[in-house]
C-alpha atoms as a PDB file:
ATOM      1  CA  MET A   1       7.992 -16.816  11.141  1.00  0.00           C
ATOM      2  CA  SER A   2       4.465 -18.063  11.803  1.00  0.00           C
ATOM      3  CA  VAL A   3       2.972 -20.011   8.908  1.00  0.00           C
ATOM      4  CA  LEU A   4      -0.403 -18.442   9.732  1.00  0.00           C
ATOM      5  CA  VAL A   5       1.026 -14.922   9.402  1.00  0.00           C
ATOM      6  CA  LEU A   6       2.648 -15.882   6.090  1.00  0.00           C
ATOM      7  CA  ILE A   7      -0.605 -17.296   4.684  1.00  0.00           C
ATOM      8  CA  LEU A   8      -2.663 -14.326   5.885  1.00  0.00           C
ATOM      9  CA  ALA A   9      -0.221 -11.712   4.570  1.00  0.00           C
ATOM     10  CA  VAL A  10       0.214 -13.343   1.159  1.00  0.00           C
ATOM     11  CA  SER A  11      -3.563 -13.847   0.846  1.00  0.00           C
ATOM     12  CA  ALA A  12      -4.019 -10.161   1.698  1.00  0.00           C
ATOM     13  CA  ALA A  13      -1.442  -9.237  -0.951  1.00  0.00           C
ATOM     14  CA  CYS A  14      -3.316 -11.337  -3.531  1.00  0.00           C
ATOM     15  CA  CYS A  15      -6.614  -9.579  -2.814  1.00  0.00           C
ATOM     16  CA  LEU A  16      -4.958  -6.148  -2.849  1.00  0.00           C
ATOM     17  CA  GLY A  17      -3.130  -6.778  -6.133  1.00  0.00           C
ATOM     18  CA  PHE A  18      -6.221  -7.994  -7.970  1.00  0.00           C
ATOM     19  CA  GLY A  19      -8.287  -5.198  -6.432  1.00  0.00           C
ATOM     20  CA  PHE A  20      -5.884  -2.460  -7.554  1.00  0.00           C
ATOM     21  CA  VAL A  21      -6.037  -3.621 -11.183  1.00  0.00           C
ATOM     22  CA  LEU A  22      -9.845  -3.671 -11.235  1.00  0.00           C
ATOM     23  CA  GLN A  23      -9.999  -0.244  -9.576  1.00  0.00           C
ATOM     24  CA  GLN A  24      -7.632   1.290 -12.106  1.00  0.00           C
ATOM     25  CA  ASN A  25      -9.566  -0.269 -14.998  1.00  0.00           C
ATOM     26  CA  ALA A  26     -12.613   1.723 -13.832  1.00  0.00           C
ATOM     27  CA  ALA A  27     -10.960   4.864 -12.425  1.00  0.00           C
ATOM     28  CA  ARG A  28      -9.143   5.670 -15.670  1.00  0.00           C
ATOM     29  CA  GLN A  29     -12.547   6.492 -17.208  1.00  0.00           C
ATOM     30  CA  ALA A  30     -13.530   8.963 -14.490  1.00  0.00           C
ATOM     31  CA  PRO A  31     -13.904  12.696 -15.278  1.00  0.00           C
ATOM     32  CA  LEU A  32     -10.710  14.671 -14.652  1.00  0.00           C
ATOM     33  CA  SER A  33     -12.857  17.262 -12.891  1.00  0.00           C
ATOM     34  CA  ASP A  34     -13.108  14.727 -10.033  1.00  0.00           C
ATOM     35  CA  PHE A  35      -9.345  14.874  -9.428  1.00  0.00           C
ATOM     36  CA  LEU A  36      -8.648  14.843  -5.651  1.00  0.00           C
ATOM     37  CA  SER A  37     -12.338  15.293  -4.916  1.00  0.00           C
ATOM     38  CA  PRO A  38     -14.628  13.008  -2.880  1.00  0.00           C
ATOM     39  CA  ARG A  39     -16.964  13.231  -5.914  1.00  0.00           C
ATOM     40  CA  LEU A  40     -14.625  10.731  -7.557  1.00  0.00           C
ATOM     41  CA  LEU A  41     -15.745   8.015  -5.147  1.00  0.00           C
ATOM     42  CA  LEU A  42     -19.415   8.921  -5.710  1.00  0.00           C
ATOM     43  CA  ASP A  43     -18.921   8.518  -9.472  1.00  0.00           C
ATOM     44  CA  LEU A  44     -16.945   5.286  -9.193  1.00  0.00           C
ATOM     45  CA  VAL A  45     -19.423   3.618  -6.831  1.00  0.00           C
ATOM     46  CA  LYS A  46     -21.767   3.296  -9.838  1.00  0.00           C
ATOM     47  CA  VAL A  47     -19.277   1.044 -11.677  1.00  0.00           C
ATOM     48  CA  PRO A  48     -19.510  -2.703 -10.872  1.00  0.00           C
ATOM     49  CA  ARG A  49     -15.866  -3.371 -11.810  1.00  0.00           C
ATOM     50  CA  TRP A  50     -14.696  -0.720  -9.336  1.00  0.00           C
ATOM     51  CA  LEU A  51     -16.954  -2.111  -6.612  1.00  0.00           C
ATOM     52  CA  GLY A  52     -15.442  -5.540  -7.230  1.00  0.00           C
ATOM     53  CA  GLY A  53     -11.975  -4.051  -6.887  1.00  0.00           C
ATOM     54  CA  ILE A  54     -12.971  -2.310  -3.643  1.00  0.00           C
ATOM     55  CA  ALA A  55     -14.446  -5.554  -2.281  1.00  0.00           C
ATOM     56  CA  LEU A  56     -11.144  -7.311  -2.962  1.00  0.00           C
ATOM     57  CA  MET A  57      -9.201  -4.448  -1.372  1.00  0.00           C
ATOM     58  CA  VAL A  58     -11.387  -4.549   1.742  1.00  0.00           C
ATOM     59  CA  ALA A  59     -10.876  -8.312   1.957  1.00  0.00           C
ATOM     60  CA  GLY A  60      -7.135  -7.737   1.643  1.00  0.00           C
ATOM     61  CA  MET A  61      -7.202  -5.089   4.368  1.00  0.00           C
ATOM     62  CA  VAL A  62      -9.141  -7.394   6.707  1.00  0.00           C
ATOM     63  CA  LEU A  63      -6.694 -10.248   6.105  1.00  0.00           C
ATOM     64  CA  GLY A  64      -3.817  -7.821   6.541  1.00  0.00           C
ATOM     65  CA  ALA A  65      -5.286  -6.567   9.815  1.00  0.00           C
ATOM     66  CA  ILE A  66      -5.537 -10.132  11.108  1.00  0.00           C
ATOM     67  CA  ALA A  67      -1.925 -10.758  10.042  1.00  0.00           C
ATOM     68  CA  LEU A  68      -0.855  -7.566  11.824  1.00  0.00           C
ATOM     69  CA  GLY A  69      -2.624  -8.814  14.928  1.00  0.00           C
ATOM     70  CA  GLN A  70      -0.612 -12.036  14.818  1.00  0.00           C
ATOM     71  CA  GLY A  71       2.781 -10.667  13.724  1.00  0.00           C
ATOM     72  CA  GLU A  72       4.944  -7.581  13.742  1.00  0.00           C
ATOM     73  CA  VAL A  73       4.431  -4.709  11.289  1.00  0.00           C
ATOM     74  CA  SER A  74       8.070  -5.082  10.204  1.00  0.00           C
ATOM     75  CA  LEU A  75       7.306  -8.684   9.211  1.00  0.00           C
ATOM     76  CA  VAL A  76       3.898  -8.254   7.599  1.00  0.00           C
ATOM     77  CA  GLU A  77       4.622  -5.111   5.546  1.00  0.00           C
ATOM     78  CA  PRO A  78       7.298  -6.661   3.263  1.00  0.00           C
ATOM     79  CA  LEU A  79       4.955  -9.585   2.596  1.00  0.00           C
ATOM     80  CA  LEU A  80       2.106  -7.206   1.681  1.00  0.00           C
ATOM     81  CA  ALA A  81       4.435  -5.611  -0.886  1.00  0.00           C
ATOM     82  CA  THR A  82       4.118  -8.783  -2.970  1.00  0.00           C
ATOM     83  CA  ASN A  83       0.669  -7.530  -4.036  1.00  0.00           C
ATOM     84  CA  LEU A  84       2.443  -6.264  -7.150  1.00  0.00           C
ATOM     85  CA  LEU A  85       3.118  -9.866  -8.219  1.00  0.00           C
ATOM     86  CA  PHE A  86      -0.597 -10.619  -8.183  1.00  0.00           C
ATOM     87  CA  ALA A  87      -1.421  -7.332  -9.926  1.00  0.00           C
ATOM     88  CA  LEU A  88       1.040  -8.267 -12.669  1.00  0.00           C
ATOM     89  CA  ALA A  89      -0.470 -11.760 -12.949  1.00  0.00           C
ATOM     90  CA  LEU A  90      -3.959 -10.340 -13.577  1.00  0.00           C
ATOM     91  CA  SER A  91      -2.610  -7.668 -15.914  1.00  0.00           C
ATOM     92  CA  ARG A  92      -0.753 -10.305 -17.932  1.00  0.00           C
ATOM     93  CA  ARG A  93      -4.002 -12.209 -18.333  1.00  0.00           C
ATOM     94  CA  GLN A  94      -5.680  -9.032 -19.629  1.00  0.00           C
ATOM     95  CA  THR A  95      -2.875  -7.876 -21.924  1.00  0.00           C
ATOM     96  CA  LYS A  96      -1.436 -11.294 -22.977  1.00  0.00           C
ATOM     97  CA  GLN A  97       2.100  -9.919 -22.484  1.00  0.00           C
ATOM     98  CA  PRO A  98       4.882 -12.444 -21.725  1.00  0.00           C
ATOM     99  CA  LEU A  99       6.805 -12.040 -18.480  1.00  0.00           C
ATOM    100  CA  GLY A 100      10.187 -11.694 -20.203  1.00  0.00           C
ATOM    101  CA  ARG A 101      13.529 -10.840 -18.620  1.00  0.00           C
ATOM    102  CA  GLN A 102      12.204  -7.691 -16.971  1.00  0.00           C
ATOM    103  CA  GLY A 103       9.376  -9.557 -15.290  1.00  0.00           C
ATOM    104  CA  TRP A 104      11.519 -12.423 -14.067  1.00  0.00           C
ATOM    105  CA  ALA A 105      14.192 -10.018 -12.814  1.00  0.00           C
ATOM    106  CA  GLY A 106      11.590  -7.950 -10.956  1.00  0.00           C
ATOM    107  CA  LEU A 107      10.038 -11.072  -9.469  1.00  0.00           C
ATOM    108  CA  ALA A 108      13.443 -12.368  -8.301  1.00  0.00           C
ATOM    109  CA  LEU A 109      14.409  -9.001  -6.787  1.00  0.00           C
ATOM    110  CA  LEU A 110      11.101  -8.564  -4.966  1.00  0.00           C
ATOM    111  CA  ALA A 111      10.935 -12.108  -3.613  1.00  0.00           C
ATOM    112  CA  GLY A 112      14.646 -12.194  -2.814  1.00  0.00           C
ATOM    113  CA  GLY A 113      14.549  -8.776  -1.153  1.00  0.00           C
ATOM    114  CA  VAL A 114      11.612  -9.698   1.078  1.00  0.00           C
ATOM    115  CA  THR A 115      13.342 -12.947   2.057  1.00  0.00           C
ATOM    116  CA  ALA A 116      16.686 -11.222   2.737  1.00  0.00           C
ATOM    117  CA  PHE A 117      15.076  -8.538   4.917  1.00  0.00           C
ATOM    118  CA  ILE A 118      13.073 -11.018   6.993  1.00  0.00           C
ATOM    119  CA  VAL A 119      15.913 -13.533   7.401  1.00  0.00           C
ATOM    120  CA  ALA A 120      18.516 -10.872   8.245  1.00  0.00           C
ATOM    121  CA  GLY A 121      16.298  -8.679  10.426  1.00  0.00           C
ATOM    122  CA  GLU A 122      14.404 -11.457  12.221  1.00  0.00           C
ATOM    123  CA  PRO A 123      11.495  -9.086  13.080  1.00  0.00           C
ATOM    124  CA  ARG A 124      10.125  -9.751  16.551  1.00  0.00           C
ATOM    125  CA  GLY A 125       7.894  -8.052  19.039  1.00  0.00           C
ATOM    126  CA  GLY A 126       9.008  -5.844  21.875  1.00  0.00           C
ATOM    127  CA  THR A 127       7.692  -3.224  24.249  1.00  0.00           C
ATOM    128  CA  ALA A 128       5.802  -0.402  22.582  1.00  0.00           C
ATOM    129  CA  VAL A 129       7.168   3.082  23.171  1.00  0.00           C
ATOM    130  CA  THR A 130       5.134   4.892  25.823  1.00  0.00           C
ATOM    131  CA  ASP A 131       6.485   8.345  24.999  1.00  0.00           C
ATOM    132  CA  PRO A 132       3.580  10.092  23.178  1.00  0.00           C
ATOM    133  CA  PHE A 133       5.916  12.718  21.721  1.00  0.00           C
ATOM    134  CA  ARG A 134       7.877  10.116  19.770  1.00  0.00           C
ATOM    135  CA  ARG A 135       4.718   8.450  18.507  1.00  0.00           C
ATOM    136  CA  TRP A 136       3.119  11.719  17.388  1.00  0.00           C
ATOM    137  CA  LEU A 137       6.402  12.915  15.868  1.00  0.00           C
ATOM    138  CA  ILE A 138       6.632   9.864  13.604  1.00  0.00           C
ATOM    139  CA  ILE A 139       2.932   9.979  12.670  1.00  0.00           C
ATOM    140  CA  GLY A 140       3.140  13.745  12.109  1.00  0.00           C
ATOM    141  CA  VAL A 141       6.169  13.421   9.844  1.00  0.00           C
ATOM    142  CA  MET A 142       4.427  10.752   7.737  1.00  0.00           C
ATOM    143  CA  ILE A 143       1.200  12.733   7.418  1.00  0.00           C
ATOM    144  CA  GLY A 144       3.125  15.961   6.793  1.00  0.00           C
ATOM    145  CA  LEU A 145       5.109  14.348   3.969  1.00  0.00           C
ATOM    146  CA  ALA A 146       1.883  12.960   2.490  1.00  0.00           C
ATOM    147  CA  LEU A 147       0.311  16.436   2.614  1.00  0.00           C
ATOM    148  CA  LEU A 148       3.371  17.987   0.965  1.00  0.00           C
ATOM    149  CA  LEU A 149       3.385  15.381  -1.807  1.00  0.00           C
ATOM    150  CA  THR A 150      -0.355  15.882  -2.390  1.00  0.00           C
ATOM    151  CA  THR A 151       0.124  19.657  -2.656  1.00  0.00           C
ATOM    152  CA  TYR A 152       2.786  19.248  -5.333  1.00  0.00           C
ATOM    153  CA  ALA A 153       0.702  16.587  -7.081  1.00  0.00           C
ATOM    154  CA  LYS A 154      -2.233  18.991  -7.328  1.00  0.00           C
ATOM    155  CA  ARG A 155       0.006  21.482  -9.115  1.00  0.00           C
ATOM    156  CA  SER A 156       1.587  19.013 -11.522  1.00  0.00           C
ATOM    157  CA  ARG A 157      -1.627  17.065 -12.285  1.00  0.00           C
ATOM    158  CA  LEU A 158      -0.888  14.833 -15.306  1.00  0.00           C
ATOM    159  CA  SER A 159       2.926  14.932 -15.178  1.00  0.00           C
ATOM    160  CA  ALA A 160       4.361  13.818 -11.834  1.00  0.00           C
ATOM    161  CA  GLY A 161       1.022  13.996 -10.038  1.00  0.00           C
ATOM    162  CA  PRO A 162       0.086  10.280 -10.095  1.00  0.00           C
ATOM    163  CA  VAL A 163       3.455   9.182  -8.701  1.00  0.00           C
ATOM    164  CA  LEU A 164       3.347  11.801  -5.938  1.00  0.00           C
ATOM    165  CA  LEU A 165      -0.222  10.864  -4.995  1.00  0.00           C
ATOM    166  CA  ALA A 166       0.697   7.184  -4.857  1.00  0.00           C
ATOM    167  CA  LEU A 167       3.686   7.951  -2.622  1.00  0.00           C
ATOM    168  CA  ALA A 168       1.445  10.022  -0.338  1.00  0.00           C
ATOM    169  CA  ALA A 169      -1.140   7.233  -0.165  1.00  0.00           C
ATOM    170  CA  GLY A 170       1.582   4.688   0.581  1.00  0.00           C
ATOM    171  CA  LEU A 171       2.832   6.748   3.528  1.00  0.00           C
ATOM    172  CA  LEU A 172      -0.712   7.055   4.876  1.00  0.00           C
ATOM    173  CA  TYR A 173      -1.389   3.336   4.446  1.00  0.00           C
ATOM    174  CA  GLY A 174       1.815   2.549   6.351  1.00  0.00           C
ATOM    175  CA  VAL A 175       0.564   4.648   9.275  1.00  0.00           C
ATOM    176  CA  GLN A 176      -2.873   3.053   8.921  1.00  0.00           C
ATOM    177  CA  ASP A 177      -1.352  -0.435   9.207  1.00  0.00           C
ATOM    178  CA  ALA A 178       0.481   0.567  12.390  1.00  0.00           C
ATOM    179  CA  LEU A 179      -2.678   2.022  13.948  1.00  0.00           C
ATOM    180  CA  THR A 180      -4.646  -1.044  12.843  1.00  0.00           C
ATOM    181  CA  ARG A 181      -2.271  -3.178  14.865  1.00  0.00           C
ATOM    182  CA  VAL A 182      -2.708  -0.898  17.891  1.00  0.00           C
ATOM    183  CA  SER A 183      -6.504  -1.109  17.509  1.00  0.00           C
ATOM    184  CA  GLY A 184      -6.354  -4.888  17.354  1.00  0.00           C
ATOM    185  CA  GLN A 185      -4.260  -5.015  20.499  1.00  0.00           C
ATOM    186  CA  ARG A 186      -6.694  -2.749  22.370  1.00  0.00           C
ATOM    187  CA  PHE A 187      -9.629  -4.874  21.271  1.00  0.00           C
ATOM    188  CA  SER A 188      -7.902  -8.089  22.357  1.00  0.00           C
ATOM    189  CA  ALA A 189      -6.883  -6.632  25.710  1.00  0.00           C
ATOM    190  CA  SER A 190      -9.955  -4.624  26.731  1.00  0.00           C
ATOM    191  CA  GLY A 191     -12.816  -5.405  24.372  1.00  0.00           C
ATOM    192  CA  LEU A 192     -14.986  -3.407  21.987  1.00  0.00           C
ATOM    193  CA  ALA A 193     -16.100  -0.726  24.446  1.00  0.00           C
ATOM    194  CA  ASP A 194     -12.536   0.364  25.155  1.00  0.00           C
ATOM    195  CA  LEU A 195     -11.680   0.311  21.462  1.00  0.00           C
ATOM    196  CA  LEU A 196     -14.611   2.578  20.542  1.00  0.00           C
ATOM    197  CA  THR A 197     -13.565   5.157  23.148  1.00  0.00           C
ATOM    198  CA  SER A 198     -10.010   5.387  21.755  1.00  0.00           C
ATOM    199  CA  TRP A 199      -8.913   7.543  18.830  1.00  0.00           C
ATOM    200  CA  GLN A 200      -7.062   4.886  16.831  1.00  0.00           C
ATOM    201  CA  PRO A 201     -10.005   3.216  14.996  1.00  0.00           C
ATOM    202  CA  TYR A 202     -11.351   6.581  13.878  1.00  0.00           C
ATOM    203  CA  ALA A 203      -7.900   7.593  12.667  1.00  0.00           C
ATOM    204  CA  VAL A 204      -7.710   4.307  10.738  1.00  0.00           C
ATOM    205  CA  LEU A 205     -11.048   5.104   9.059  1.00  0.00           C
ATOM    206  CA  ALA A 206     -10.113   8.714   8.227  1.00  0.00           C
ATOM    207  CA  ILE A 207      -6.709   7.732   6.850  1.00  0.00           C
ATOM    208  CA  GLY A 208      -8.289   4.927   4.828  1.00  0.00           C
ATOM    209  CA  ILE A 209     -10.815   7.234   3.141  1.00  0.00           C
ATOM    210  CA  THR A 210      -8.166   9.883   2.461  1.00  0.00           C
ATOM    211  CA  GLY A 211      -5.785   7.307   1.030  1.00  0.00           C
ATOM    212  CA  LEU A 212      -8.574   5.903  -1.149  1.00  0.00           C
ATOM    213  CA  VAL A 213      -9.243   9.330  -2.714  1.00  0.00           C
ATOM    214  CA  LEU A 214      -5.511   9.785  -3.375  1.00  0.00           C
ATOM    215  CA  VAL A 215      -5.119   6.338  -4.930  1.00  0.00           C
ATOM    216  CA  GLN A 216      -8.198   6.643  -7.151  1.00  0.00           C
ATOM    217  CA  SER A 217      -7.054  10.087  -8.313  1.00  0.00           C
ATOM    218  CA  ALA A 218      -3.682   8.563  -9.231  1.00  0.00           C
ATOM    219  CA  PHE A 219      -5.397   5.670 -11.032  1.00  0.00           C
ATOM    220  CA  GLU A 220      -7.685   8.143 -12.803  1.00  0.00           C
ATOM    221  CA  THR A 221      -4.925  10.260 -14.321  1.00  0.00           C
ATOM    222  CA  ALA A 222      -2.229   7.782 -15.371  1.00  0.00           C
ATOM    223  CA  PRO A 223      -1.440   4.152 -16.214  1.00  0.00           C
ATOM    224  CA  LEU A 224      -1.113   1.702 -13.347  1.00  0.00           C
ATOM    225  CA  ARG A 225       2.620   1.439 -14.012  1.00  0.00           C
ATOM    226  CA  MET A 226       3.091   5.048 -12.888  1.00  0.00           C
ATOM    227  CA  SER A 227       1.237   4.794  -9.593  1.00  0.00           C
ATOM    228  CA  LEU A 228       1.251   1.240  -8.220  1.00  0.00           C
ATOM    229  CA  PRO A 229       5.065   0.896  -7.859  1.00  0.00           C
ATOM    230  CA  ALA A 230       5.246   4.084  -5.793  1.00  0.00           C
ATOM    231  CA  LEU A 231       2.305   3.004  -3.625  1.00  0.00           C
ATOM    232  CA  THR A 232       3.711  -0.478  -3.114  1.00  0.00           C
ATOM    233  CA  ALA A 233       7.203   0.799  -2.229  1.00  0.00           C
ATOM    234  CA  ALA A 234       6.130   3.579   0.149  1.00  0.00           C
ATOM    235  CA  GLN A 235       3.683   1.566   2.267  1.00  0.00           C
ATOM    236  CA  PRO A 236       6.079  -1.058   3.675  1.00  0.00           C
ATOM    237  CA  LEU A 237       8.817   1.505   4.286  1.00  0.00           C
ATOM    238  CA  ALA A 238       6.405   3.732   6.241  1.00  0.00           C
ATOM    239  CA  GLY A 239       5.017   0.736   8.096  1.00  0.00           C
ATOM    240  CA  ILE A 240       8.479  -0.460   9.133  1.00  0.00           C
ATOM    241  CA  VAL A 241       9.391   3.034  10.370  1.00  0.00           C
ATOM    242  CA  CYS A 242       6.229   3.094  12.503  1.00  0.00           C
ATOM    243  CA  GLY A 243       6.761  -0.464  13.708  1.00  0.00           C
ATOM    244  CA  VAL A 244      10.320   0.115  14.839  1.00  0.00           C
ATOM    245  CA  GLY A 245       9.730   3.739  15.803  1.00  0.00           C
ATOM    246  CA  PHE A 246       6.875   3.430  18.295  1.00  0.00           C
ATOM    247  CA  LEU A 247       5.288  -0.036  18.219  1.00  0.00           C
ATOM    248  CA  GLY A 248       8.317  -1.767  19.708  1.00  0.00           C
ATOM    249  CA  ASP A 249       9.213  -4.000  16.740  1.00  0.00           C
ATOM    250  CA  ARG A 250      12.794  -5.177  17.024  1.00  0.00           C
ATOM    251  CA  LEU A 251      15.243  -5.966  14.237  1.00  0.00           C
ATOM    252  CA  ARG A 252      18.776  -7.268  14.451  1.00  0.00           C
ATOM    253  CA  THR A 253      21.180  -4.323  14.502  1.00  0.00           C
ATOM    254  CA  ASP A 254      24.641  -5.842  14.065  1.00  0.00           C
ATOM    255  CA  THR A 255      26.601  -4.653  11.050  1.00  0.00           C
ATOM    256  CA  ALA A 256      26.003  -7.719   8.897  1.00  0.00           C
ATOM    257  CA  ALA A 257      22.264  -7.766   9.653  1.00  0.00           C
ATOM    258  CA  LEU A 258      21.821  -4.054   8.945  1.00  0.00           C
ATOM    259  CA  THR A 259      23.712  -4.449   5.669  1.00  0.00           C
ATOM    260  CA  TRP A 260      21.488  -7.293   4.512  1.00  0.00           C
ATOM    261  CA  GLU A 261      18.357  -5.496   5.689  1.00  0.00           C
ATOM    262  CA  ALA A 262      19.328  -2.442   3.610  1.00  0.00           C
ATOM    263  CA  VAL A 263      20.178  -4.658   0.622  1.00  0.00           C
ATOM    264  CA  GLY A 264      16.866  -6.477   1.003  1.00  0.00           C
ATOM    265  CA  LEU A 265      14.808  -3.276   1.102  1.00  0.00           C
ATOM    266  CA  ALA A 266      16.730  -1.877  -1.886  1.00  0.00           C
ATOM    267  CA  ALA A 267      16.046  -5.092  -3.818  1.00  0.00           C
ATOM    268  CA  VAL A 268      12.347  -4.878  -2.888  1.00  0.00           C
ATOM    269  CA  VAL A 269      12.121  -1.315  -4.231  1.00  0.00           C
ATOM    270  CA  ALA A 270      14.057  -2.227  -7.405  1.00  0.00           C
ATOM    271  CA  GLY A 271      11.833  -5.257  -7.984  1.00  0.00           C
ATOM    272  CA  ILE A 272       8.706  -3.170  -7.457  1.00  0.00           C
ATOM    273  CA  VAL A 273       9.889  -0.621 -10.028  1.00  0.00           C
ATOM    274  CA  LEU A 274      10.738  -3.301 -12.611  1.00  0.00           C
ATOM    275  CA  LEU A 275       7.421  -5.094 -12.165  1.00  0.00           C
ATOM    276  CA  GLY A 276       5.452  -1.858 -12.061  1.00  0.00           C
ATOM    277  CA  MET A 277       6.995  -0.691 -15.337  1.00  0.00           C
ATOM    278  CA  HIS A 278       6.405  -4.045 -17.040  1.00  0.00           C
ATOM    279  CA  PRO A 279       4.568  -3.797 -20.403  1.00  0.00           C
ATOM    280  CA  ALA A 280       1.848  -6.087 -19.026  1.00  0.00           C
ATOM    281  CA  MET A 281       0.688  -3.397 -16.615  1.00  0.00           C
ATOM    282  CA  PRO A 282      -2.377  -1.519 -17.930  1.00  0.00           C
ATOM    283  CA  ARG A 283      -1.391   1.565 -19.902  1.00  0.00           C
ATOM    284  CA  GLY A 284      -4.577   3.429 -19.112  1.00  0.00           C
ATOM    285  CA  SER A 285      -6.345   5.608 -21.638  1.00  0.00           C
ATOM    286  CA  ASP A 286      -5.706   8.945 -23.258  1.00  0.00           C
ATOM    287  CA  ARG A 287      -6.316  11.683 -20.715  1.00  0.00           C
ATOM    288  CA  SER A 288      -5.923  14.586 -23.105  1.00  0.00           C
ATOM    289  CA  GLU A 289      -9.695  14.983 -23.134  1.00  0.00           C
ATOM    290  CA  PRO A 290     -11.035  17.185 -20.307  1.00  0.00           C
ATOM    291  CA  THR A 291     -13.652  14.686 -19.097  1.00  0.00           C
ATOM    292  CA  ARG A 292     -14.883  11.171 -19.659  1.00  0.00           C
ATOM    293  CA  ASN A 293     -18.188   9.627 -18.750  1.00  0.00           C
ATOM    294  CA  LEU A 294     -18.119   6.540 -16.589  1.00  0.00           C
ATOM    295  CA  GLN A 295     -19.824   3.534 -18.078  1.00  0.00           C
ATOM    296  CA  PRO A 296     -20.755   0.525 -15.928  1.00  0.00           C
ATOM    297  CA  SER A 297     -18.629  -2.506 -16.808  1.00  0.00           C
END
């Protein structure tokens, strides 16, 4: 594994983790009438704390895009999942909660799972699939699942809604990461003019804005512990599916390797859940009131 890819991916995860906490700190005060509406972003853009969180997220996405340009999606995505460690670190500083057994267990599972998956799978590049049907099938399934989850989230609102929205956003971000890699490859191979005449960068932008509305709606309606674990778990899984499915990423497929890859991914998800449910994660505020006014902070 390239040291540069490791540094870029972990730096991206740090920016993303810190950014998510700052965004949720602000979004939890947004009016519930903004739920799943672009108006939510217009309200939040007035809050300095949210803008700081967005700036960190953008920095994380840029670093992640550079990492994706240097390494395989199946390698970078598990490393990006460590953003939860940095989110927990900032949350601990805010809440003064000790890490405890739950925190250490979650940390060990997440770090160990990422290591096991990478060591066992040995992600490496290959030839991208040229069959457009396969590519559009995988992208369509991901977007279709995200749409289905969003539909159910809109009905359930304050119960299961935040988790479903976070899962939907994670699926979209996984597709976005795959298309970001394709865009980077087109730019490197043919330059800016060719990139601007292709559909991938515009799809990246559209998916990014849609995912942002979903994530902020999840942050608005529930504590971070309900939404961030689902987001963090869904994104790498979707990204790996896209990477192996149509970008040509190759993993070892012998029985022992597949077993350890499955164990590693399961440990990653378990660690994400434990860390996401840690008492240090922001609880959010009471959403029983119909609306709240945003105050700059």
